[in-house]
Amino acid sequence: MTTLKSKLHDDLNAAIKGRDELRSSTLRLTLAAITKEEVAGKEKRELSDDEVLKVITKEAKKRREAADAFAQGGRPESAERERAEGELLAEYLPKQLGDEELERIVGEAVAEARAAGAEGPRAMGAVMKIVNPKVAGLAEGGRVAAVVKKLLAG
């Protein structure tokens, strides 16, 4: 079975052969981040596909934030490059939930939390606890929290 990490390596080799500078540099940086994570603990270890996905998600988020910063700083070329790298990384991530689907899942969690007696500000934590495992990797935390706040506010 091919691991996600080995797929990244294969794609990197293909990008180098195809002289795809954007893809090869993005994958190089991502693989470096994965390696850094693998040697971060007391002993070197292989990351699971789930852990590799977390690294890719973090890298993609960094690209989005950098793109926004460059755009605000009046550096459109740099913003465009970061955006392109982020989109490239997104190809390796599970498809993100649409707004309607996310609202449906959060709505069910809100009902579940209220049924368990969670009210007011404490309900936020209770709802997030129910929602997070269901949407892990499929929606960003900030986006999830915004929908939870919106639905709790009624």
N, C-alpha and C. Protein backbone atom coordinates (compact mmCIF):
# COMPACT_ATOMS: atom_id res chain seq x y z
N MET A 1 0.85 -1.21 0.00
CA MET A 1 0.00 0.00 0.00
C MET A 1 0.88 1.25 0.00
N THR A 2 0.53 2.18 -0.83
CA THR A 2 1.30 3.41 -0.93
C THR A 2 0.91 4.36 0.19
N THR A 3 1.91 4.89 0.89
CA THR A 3 1.60 5.87 1.91
C THR A 3 1.49 7.23 1.24
N LEU A 4 0.87 8.15 1.94
CA LEU A 4 0.74 9.51 1.44
C LEU A 4 2.13 10.14 1.24
N LYS A 5 3.04 9.83 2.18
CA LYS A 5 4.38 10.38 2.09
C LYS A 5 5.10 9.87 0.84
N SER A 6 4.95 8.57 0.54
CA SER A 6 5.62 8.05 -0.65
C SER A 6 4.99 8.62 -1.92
N LYS A 7 3.68 8.89 -1.88
CA LYS A 7 3.03 9.53 -3.02
C LYS A 7 3.62 10.93 -3.25
N LEU A 8 3.84 11.66 -2.14
CA LEU A 8 4.46 12.99 -2.25
C LEU A 8 5.85 12.87 -2.89
N HIS A 9 6.62 11.86 -2.46
CA HIS A 9 7.96 11.64 -3.04
C HIS A 9 7.87 11.34 -4.53
N ASP A 10 6.93 10.45 -4.91
CA ASP A 10 6.77 10.11 -6.32
C ASP A 10 6.37 11.33 -7.13
N ASP A 11 5.44 12.11 -6.59
CA ASP A 11 4.99 13.32 -7.28
C ASP A 11 6.13 14.33 -7.40
N LEU A 12 6.97 14.40 -6.37
CA LEU A 12 8.12 15.30 -6.42
C LEU A 12 9.07 14.89 -7.55
N ASN A 13 9.37 13.60 -7.62
CA ASN A 13 10.26 13.11 -8.68
C ASN A 13 9.69 13.40 -10.07
N ALA A 14 8.38 13.19 -10.22
CA ALA A 14 7.72 13.47 -11.49
C ALA A 14 7.79 14.97 -11.81
N ALA A 15 7.61 15.81 -10.79
CA ALA A 15 7.65 17.26 -10.99
C ALA A 15 9.05 17.71 -11.39
N ILE A 16 10.07 17.10 -10.79
CA ILE A 16 11.45 17.45 -11.13
C ILE A 16 11.73 17.06 -12.59
N LYS A 17 11.32 15.83 -12.95
CA LYS A 17 11.52 15.37 -14.34
C LYS A 17 10.77 16.26 -15.31
N GLY A 18 9.56 16.68 -14.91
CA GLY A 18 8.74 17.51 -15.79
C GLY A 18 9.10 18.99 -15.70
N ARG A 19 10.13 19.31 -14.96
CA ARG A 19 10.58 20.70 -14.76
C ARG A 19 9.45 21.61 -14.27
N ASP A 20 8.59 21.06 -13.39
CA ASP A 20 7.49 21.83 -12.81
C ASP A 20 8.01 22.47 -11.52
N GLU A 21 8.52 23.69 -11.65
CA GLU A 21 9.21 24.36 -10.55
C GLU A 21 8.28 24.59 -9.35
N LEU A 22 7.07 25.05 -9.61
CA LEU A 22 6.11 25.33 -8.53
C LEU A 22 5.84 24.06 -7.72
N ARG A 23 5.48 22.98 -8.42
CA ARG A 23 5.14 21.73 -7.75
C ARG A 23 6.35 21.15 -7.03
N SER A 24 7.52 21.16 -7.68
CA SER A 24 8.68 20.55 -7.03
C SER A 24 9.11 21.33 -5.79
N SER A 25 9.10 22.66 -5.86
CA SER A 25 9.51 23.41 -4.66
C SER A 25 8.48 23.28 -3.54
N THR A 26 7.19 23.27 -3.88
CA THR A 26 6.14 23.13 -2.87
C THR A 26 6.23 21.77 -2.18
N LEU A 27 6.42 20.71 -2.99
CA LEU A 27 6.51 19.36 -2.41
C LEU A 27 7.78 19.19 -1.60
N ARG A 28 8.88 19.81 -2.06
CA ARG A 28 10.13 19.76 -1.29
C ARG A 28 9.93 20.35 0.10
N LEU A 29 9.32 21.54 0.15
CA LEU A 29 9.07 22.21 1.43
C LEU A 29 8.15 21.38 2.32
N THR A 30 7.14 20.78 1.72
CA THR A 30 6.19 19.98 2.48
C THR A 30 6.86 18.72 3.03
N LEU A 31 7.65 18.06 2.20
CA LEU A 31 8.37 16.87 2.67
C LEU A 31 9.36 17.24 3.77
N ALA A 32 9.96 18.42 3.66
CA ALA A 32 10.88 18.89 4.71
C ALA A 32 10.11 19.08 6.02
N ALA A 33 8.89 19.63 5.92
CA ALA A 33 8.06 19.83 7.12
C ALA A 33 7.68 18.48 7.73
N ILE A 34 7.43 17.49 6.88
CA ILE A 34 7.08 16.15 7.36
C ILE A 34 8.29 15.54 8.08
N THR A 35 9.46 15.65 7.47
CA THR A 35 10.69 15.12 8.07
C THR A 35 10.96 15.79 9.41
N LYS A 36 10.76 17.11 9.44
CA LYS A 36 10.98 17.87 10.68
C LYS A 36 10.07 17.32 11.79
N GLU A 37 8.83 17.03 11.42
CA GLU A 37 7.86 16.48 12.37
C GLU A 37 8.30 15.08 12.82
N GLU A 38 8.87 14.30 11.90
CA GLU A 38 9.28 12.94 12.22
C GLU A 38 10.46 12.89 13.20
N VAL A 39 11.31 13.92 13.16
CA VAL A 39 12.47 13.92 14.06
C VAL A 39 12.26 14.83 15.26
N ALA A 40 11.02 15.37 15.41
CA ALA A 40 10.73 16.33 16.47
C ALA A 40 10.73 15.69 17.86
N GLY A 41 10.32 14.45 17.96
CA GLY A 41 10.21 13.80 19.27
C GLY A 41 11.54 13.30 19.77
N LYS A 42 11.48 12.40 20.73
CA LYS A 42 12.70 11.84 21.30
C LYS A 42 13.40 10.93 20.30
N GLU A 43 12.59 10.19 19.51
CA GLU A 43 13.20 9.34 18.50
C GLU A 43 12.51 9.50 17.16
N LYS A 44 13.28 9.28 16.08
CA LYS A 44 12.74 9.43 14.73
C LYS A 44 11.66 8.38 14.50
N ARG A 45 10.60 8.77 13.81
CA ARG A 45 9.53 7.82 13.53
C ARG A 45 8.88 8.17 12.20
N GLU A 46 8.19 7.21 11.62
CA GLU A 46 7.41 7.45 10.42
C GLU A 46 6.07 8.05 10.83
N LEU A 47 5.63 9.08 10.14
CA LEU A 47 4.31 9.64 10.43
C LEU A 47 3.25 8.77 9.74
N SER A 48 2.11 8.64 10.37
CA SER A 48 0.98 7.94 9.73
C SER A 48 0.40 8.87 8.66
N ASP A 49 -0.42 8.33 7.77
CA ASP A 49 -1.06 9.17 6.76
C ASP A 49 -1.85 10.30 7.39
N ASP A 50 -2.54 10.01 8.51
CA ASP A 50 -3.31 11.05 9.20
C ASP A 50 -2.41 12.18 9.68
N GLU A 51 -1.24 11.80 10.22
CA GLU A 51 -0.29 12.81 10.70
C GLU A 51 0.28 13.61 9.54
N VAL A 52 0.54 12.93 8.42
CA VAL A 52 1.04 13.61 7.21
C VAL A 52 -0.02 14.60 6.73
N LEU A 53 -1.28 14.18 6.76
CA LEU A 53 -2.38 15.08 6.36
C LEU A 53 -2.39 16.33 7.24
N LYS A 54 -2.15 16.15 8.55
CA LYS A 54 -2.13 17.30 9.46
C LYS A 54 -1.03 18.26 9.06
N VAL A 55 0.15 17.73 8.70
CA VAL A 55 1.27 18.57 8.28
C VAL A 55 0.90 19.32 6.99
N ILE A 56 0.31 18.60 6.03
CA ILE A 56 -0.08 19.23 4.76
C ILE A 56 -1.13 20.32 5.02
N THR A 57 -2.08 20.04 5.90
CA THR A 57 -3.12 21.02 6.24
C THR A 57 -2.48 22.28 6.82
N LYS A 58 -1.51 22.07 7.73
CA LYS A 58 -0.82 23.20 8.36
C LYS A 58 -0.05 24.00 7.31
N GLU A 59 0.63 23.30 6.40
CA GLU A 59 1.39 23.96 5.33
C GLU A 59 0.45 24.75 4.42
N ALA A 60 -0.70 24.16 4.06
CA ALA A 60 -1.65 24.84 3.18
C ALA A 60 -2.19 26.09 3.87
N LYS A 61 -2.45 25.99 5.17
CA LYS A 61 -2.96 27.13 5.92
C LYS A 61 -1.92 28.26 5.95
N LYS A 62 -0.64 27.87 6.14
CA LYS A 62 0.44 28.87 6.12
C LYS A 62 0.45 29.61 4.79
N ARG A 63 0.25 28.87 3.69
CA ARG A 63 0.25 29.49 2.36
C ARG A 63 -0.89 30.49 2.22
N ARG A 64 -2.09 30.08 2.71
CA ARG A 64 -3.24 30.99 2.63
C ARG A 64 -2.99 32.27 3.41
N GLU A 65 -2.46 32.11 4.64
CA GLU A 65 -2.19 33.28 5.48
C GLU A 65 -1.13 34.17 4.84
N ALA A 66 -0.09 33.55 4.27
CA ALA A 66 0.96 34.32 3.61
C ALA A 66 0.40 35.05 2.38
N ALA A 67 -0.46 34.37 1.64
CA ALA A 67 -1.07 34.99 0.46
C ALA A 67 -1.86 36.22 0.86
N ASP A 68 -2.64 36.11 1.94
CA ASP A 68 -3.41 37.26 2.42
C ASP A 68 -2.49 38.39 2.84
N ALA A 69 -1.42 38.04 3.56
CA ALA A 69 -0.48 39.06 4.02
C ALA A 69 0.19 39.77 2.84
N PHE A 70 0.61 39.00 1.84
CA PHE A 70 1.25 39.59 0.66
C PHE A 70 0.26 40.47 -0.11
N ALA A 71 -0.99 40.00 -0.21
CA ALA A 71 -2.01 40.77 -0.93
C ALA A 71 -2.23 42.11 -0.24
N GLN A 72 -2.33 42.08 1.10
CA GLN A 72 -2.53 43.32 1.85
C GLN A 72 -1.30 44.21 1.78
N GLY A 73 -0.13 43.59 1.64
CA GLY A 73 1.12 44.34 1.59
C GLY A 73 1.43 44.83 0.19
N GLY A 74 0.50 44.67 -0.75
CA GLY A 74 0.71 45.16 -2.10
C GLY A 74 1.75 44.37 -2.88
N ARG A 75 1.83 43.07 -2.64
CA ARG A 75 2.78 42.24 -3.39
C ARG A 75 2.01 41.11 -4.08
N PRO A 76 1.26 41.46 -5.14
CA PRO A 76 0.38 40.49 -5.79
C PRO A 76 1.10 39.25 -6.34
N GLU A 77 2.34 39.40 -6.85
CA GLU A 77 3.03 38.23 -7.41
C GLU A 77 3.30 37.21 -6.31
N SER A 78 3.78 37.71 -5.16
CA SER A 78 4.06 36.81 -4.04
C SER A 78 2.77 36.17 -3.54
N ALA A 79 1.70 36.96 -3.47
CA ALA A 79 0.41 36.44 -3.02
C ALA A 79 -0.06 35.34 -3.96
N GLU A 80 0.09 35.56 -5.25
CA GLU A 80 -0.33 34.60 -6.27
C GLU A 80 0.45 33.30 -6.13
N ARG A 81 1.75 33.42 -5.89
CA ARG A 81 2.61 32.24 -5.72
C ARG A 81 2.16 31.42 -4.50
N GLU A 82 1.95 32.11 -3.38
CA GLU A 82 1.51 31.41 -2.16
C GLU A 82 0.15 30.73 -2.39
N ARG A 83 -0.74 31.44 -3.09
CA ARG A 83 -2.06 30.89 -3.38
C ARG A 83 -1.93 29.63 -4.23
N ALA A 84 -1.07 29.68 -5.24
CA ALA A 84 -0.86 28.53 -6.13
C ALA A 84 -0.31 27.34 -5.35
N GLU A 85 0.63 27.61 -4.43
CA GLU A 85 1.20 26.54 -3.61
C GLU A 85 0.11 25.94 -2.72
N GLY A 86 -0.72 26.81 -2.15
CA GLY A 86 -1.81 26.34 -1.28
C GLY A 86 -2.79 25.45 -2.03
N GLU A 87 -3.12 25.85 -3.27
CA GLU A 87 -4.05 25.06 -4.09
C GLU A 87 -3.44 23.72 -4.45
N LEU A 88 -2.14 23.73 -4.72
CA LEU A 88 -1.43 22.50 -5.04
C LEU A 88 -1.49 21.53 -3.85
N LEU A 89 -1.26 22.06 -2.65
CA LEU A 89 -1.31 21.23 -1.44
C LEU A 89 -2.73 20.72 -1.18
N ALA A 90 -3.72 21.54 -1.51
CA ALA A 90 -5.12 21.16 -1.27
C ALA A 90 -5.49 19.89 -2.05
N GLU A 91 -4.77 19.63 -3.16
CA GLU A 91 -5.04 18.41 -3.95
C GLU A 91 -4.79 17.15 -3.12
N TYR A 92 -3.96 17.25 -2.09
CA TYR A 92 -3.64 16.08 -1.26
C TYR A 92 -4.57 15.95 -0.05
N LEU A 93 -5.41 16.95 0.15
CA LEU A 93 -6.28 16.97 1.33
C LEU A 93 -7.68 16.47 0.97
N PRO A 94 -8.40 15.94 1.97
CA PRO A 94 -9.78 15.54 1.68
C PRO A 94 -10.57 16.77 1.26
N LYS A 95 -11.58 16.57 0.43
CA LYS A 95 -12.40 17.68 -0.03
C LYS A 95 -13.05 18.34 1.20
N GLN A 96 -13.00 19.66 1.23
CA GLN A 96 -13.59 20.41 2.35
C GLN A 96 -15.12 20.35 2.29
N LEU A 97 -15.75 20.37 3.46
CA LEU A 97 -17.21 20.35 3.53
C LEU A 97 -17.78 21.65 2.98
N GLY A 98 -18.91 21.54 2.30
CA GLY A 98 -19.61 22.73 1.84
C GLY A 98 -20.30 23.39 3.02
N ASP A 99 -20.72 24.64 2.85
CA ASP A 99 -21.37 25.39 3.94
C ASP A 99 -22.63 24.69 4.46
N GLU A 100 -23.45 24.21 3.53
CA GLU A 100 -24.72 23.57 3.94
C GLU A 100 -24.44 22.32 4.76
N GLU A 101 -23.50 21.49 4.29
CA GLU A 101 -23.16 20.26 5.00
C GLU A 101 -22.61 20.57 6.39
N LEU A 102 -21.74 21.57 6.46
CA LEU A 102 -21.16 21.96 7.75
C LEU A 102 -22.25 22.45 8.70
N GLU A 103 -23.15 23.29 8.19
CA GLU A 103 -24.24 23.79 9.03
C GLU A 103 -25.14 22.67 9.52
N ARG A 104 -25.38 21.66 8.67
CA ARG A 104 -26.21 20.52 9.07
C ARG A 104 -25.54 19.76 10.22
N ILE A 105 -24.25 19.48 10.09
CA ILE A 105 -23.52 18.75 11.13
C ILE A 105 -23.49 19.54 12.44
N VAL A 106 -23.21 20.85 12.32
CA VAL A 106 -23.18 21.71 13.51
C VAL A 106 -24.57 21.80 14.13
N GLY A 107 -25.59 21.91 13.30
CA GLY A 107 -26.96 21.98 13.80
C GLY A 107 -27.32 20.77 14.64
N GLU A 108 -26.93 19.57 14.15
CA GLU A 108 -27.18 18.34 14.91
C GLU A 108 -26.43 18.37 16.24
N ALA A 109 -25.18 18.86 16.20
CA ALA A 109 -24.37 18.92 17.41
C ALA A 109 -24.95 19.90 18.43
N VAL A 110 -25.48 21.03 17.94
CA VAL A 110 -26.10 22.03 18.82
C VAL A 110 -27.30 21.38 19.53
N ALA A 111 -28.12 20.68 18.74
CA ALA A 111 -29.30 20.01 19.32
C ALA A 111 -28.86 18.98 20.37
N GLU A 112 -27.83 18.22 20.04
CA GLU A 112 -27.31 17.19 20.94
C GLU A 112 -26.78 17.81 22.24
N ALA A 113 -26.04 18.90 22.12
CA ALA A 113 -25.47 19.58 23.29
C ALA A 113 -26.58 20.17 24.17
N ARG A 114 -27.59 20.78 23.53
CA ARG A 114 -28.71 21.35 24.28
C ARG A 114 -29.48 20.26 25.00
N ALA A 115 -29.65 19.13 24.32
CA ALA A 115 -30.37 18.00 24.93
C ALA A 115 -29.61 17.51 26.16
N ALA A 116 -28.29 17.65 26.13
CA ALA A 116 -27.46 17.22 27.26
C ALA A 116 -27.37 18.31 28.33
N GLY A 117 -28.10 19.42 28.10
CA GLY A 117 -28.18 20.47 29.11
C GLY A 117 -27.13 21.57 28.98
N ALA A 118 -26.42 21.63 27.87
CA ALA A 118 -25.42 22.69 27.68
C ALA A 118 -26.14 23.97 27.27
N GLU A 119 -25.90 25.03 28.03
CA GLU A 119 -26.55 26.32 27.74
C GLU A 119 -25.53 27.44 27.75
N GLY A 120 -25.88 28.55 27.11
CA GLY A 120 -25.04 29.75 27.15
C GLY A 120 -23.63 29.52 26.63
N PRO A 121 -22.67 30.27 27.17
CA PRO A 121 -21.29 30.21 26.66
C PRO A 121 -20.66 28.81 26.77
N ARG A 122 -21.09 28.04 27.78
CA ARG A 122 -20.53 26.69 27.95
C ARG A 122 -20.93 25.79 26.79
N ALA A 123 -22.04 26.12 26.15
CA ALA A 123 -22.53 25.29 25.05
C ALA A 123 -21.51 25.25 23.91
N MET A 124 -20.80 26.35 23.71
CA MET A 124 -19.81 26.43 22.62
C MET A 124 -18.82 25.27 22.72
N GLY A 125 -18.24 25.08 23.91
CA GLY A 125 -17.27 24.01 24.11
C GLY A 125 -17.89 22.63 23.91
N ALA A 126 -19.10 22.47 24.42
CA ALA A 126 -19.79 21.20 24.29
C ALA A 126 -20.05 20.87 22.83
N VAL A 127 -20.50 21.86 22.07
CA VAL A 127 -20.79 21.66 20.65
C VAL A 127 -19.50 21.35 19.88
N MET A 128 -18.44 22.12 20.15
CA MET A 128 -17.17 21.90 19.46
C MET A 128 -16.66 20.48 19.71
N LYS A 129 -16.85 19.99 20.94
CA LYS A 129 -16.40 18.64 21.30
C LYS A 129 -17.12 17.59 20.45
N ILE A 130 -18.40 17.84 20.17
CA ILE A 130 -19.19 16.90 19.36
C ILE A 130 -18.82 17.03 17.89
N VAL A 131 -18.66 18.28 17.42
CA VAL A 131 -18.44 18.55 16.00
C VAL A 131 -17.02 18.18 15.53
N ASN A 132 -16.00 18.55 16.32
CA ASN A 132 -14.62 18.38 15.86
C ASN A 132 -14.27 17.00 15.30
N PRO A 133 -14.59 15.90 16.01
CA PRO A 133 -14.23 14.60 15.44
C PRO A 133 -14.94 14.33 14.11
N LYS A 134 -16.15 14.87 13.95
CA LYS A 134 -16.92 14.62 12.73
C LYS A 134 -16.38 15.38 11.53
N VAL A 135 -15.76 16.54 11.78
CA VAL A 135 -15.32 17.37 10.65
C VAL A 135 -13.79 17.49 10.57
N ALA A 136 -13.08 16.70 11.38
CA ALA A 136 -11.61 16.78 11.40
C ALA A 136 -11.05 16.65 9.99
N GLY A 137 -10.26 17.64 9.59
CA GLY A 137 -9.64 17.62 8.27
C GLY A 137 -10.57 18.00 7.13
N LEU A 138 -11.85 18.19 7.42
CA LEU A 138 -12.81 18.51 6.36
C LEU A 138 -13.27 19.95 6.41
N ALA A 139 -12.95 20.65 7.51
CA ALA A 139 -13.30 22.06 7.64
C ALA A 139 -12.34 22.68 8.65
N GLU A 140 -11.93 23.92 8.38
CA GLU A 140 -11.00 24.60 9.28
C GLU A 140 -11.67 24.99 10.59
N GLY A 141 -10.89 24.93 11.66
CA GLY A 141 -11.40 25.26 12.98
C GLY A 141 -12.12 26.59 13.06
N GLY A 142 -11.55 27.61 12.47
CA GLY A 142 -12.14 28.95 12.50
C GLY A 142 -13.50 28.98 11.85
N ARG A 143 -13.60 28.27 10.74
CA ARG A 143 -14.86 28.21 10.00
C ARG A 143 -15.91 27.48 10.83
N VAL A 144 -15.49 26.37 11.44
CA VAL A 144 -16.40 25.58 12.28
C VAL A 144 -16.90 26.43 13.45
N ALA A 145 -15.96 27.09 14.14
CA ALA A 145 -16.33 27.91 15.30
C ALA A 145 -17.32 29.02 14.92
N ALA A 146 -17.12 29.62 13.74
CA ALA A 146 -18.02 30.69 13.29
C ALA A 146 -19.44 30.14 13.10
N VAL A 147 -19.56 28.96 12.51
CA VAL A 147 -20.88 28.37 12.30
C VAL A 147 -21.52 27.99 13.64
N VAL A 148 -20.71 27.46 14.56
CA VAL A 148 -21.22 27.10 15.89
C VAL A 148 -21.77 28.36 16.58
N LYS A 149 -20.97 29.45 16.57
CA LYS A 149 -21.42 30.71 17.20
C LYS A 149 -22.72 31.18 16.58
N LYS A 150 -22.77 31.14 15.23
CA LYS A 150 -23.95 31.62 14.51
C LYS A 150 -25.19 30.82 14.92
N LEU A 151 -25.05 29.49 14.95
CA LEU A 151 -26.21 28.65 15.27
C LEU A 151 -26.59 28.72 16.75
N LEU A 152 -25.61 28.92 17.61
CA LEU A 152 -25.92 29.06 19.05
C LEU A 152 -26.63 30.38 19.32
N ALA A 153 -26.27 31.41 18.54
CA ALA A 153 -26.90 32.71 18.71
C ALA A 153 -28.35 32.66 18.21
N GLY A 154 -28.62 31.64 17.40
CA GLY A 154 -29.98 31.45 16.89
C GLY A 154 -30.23 32.42 15.77
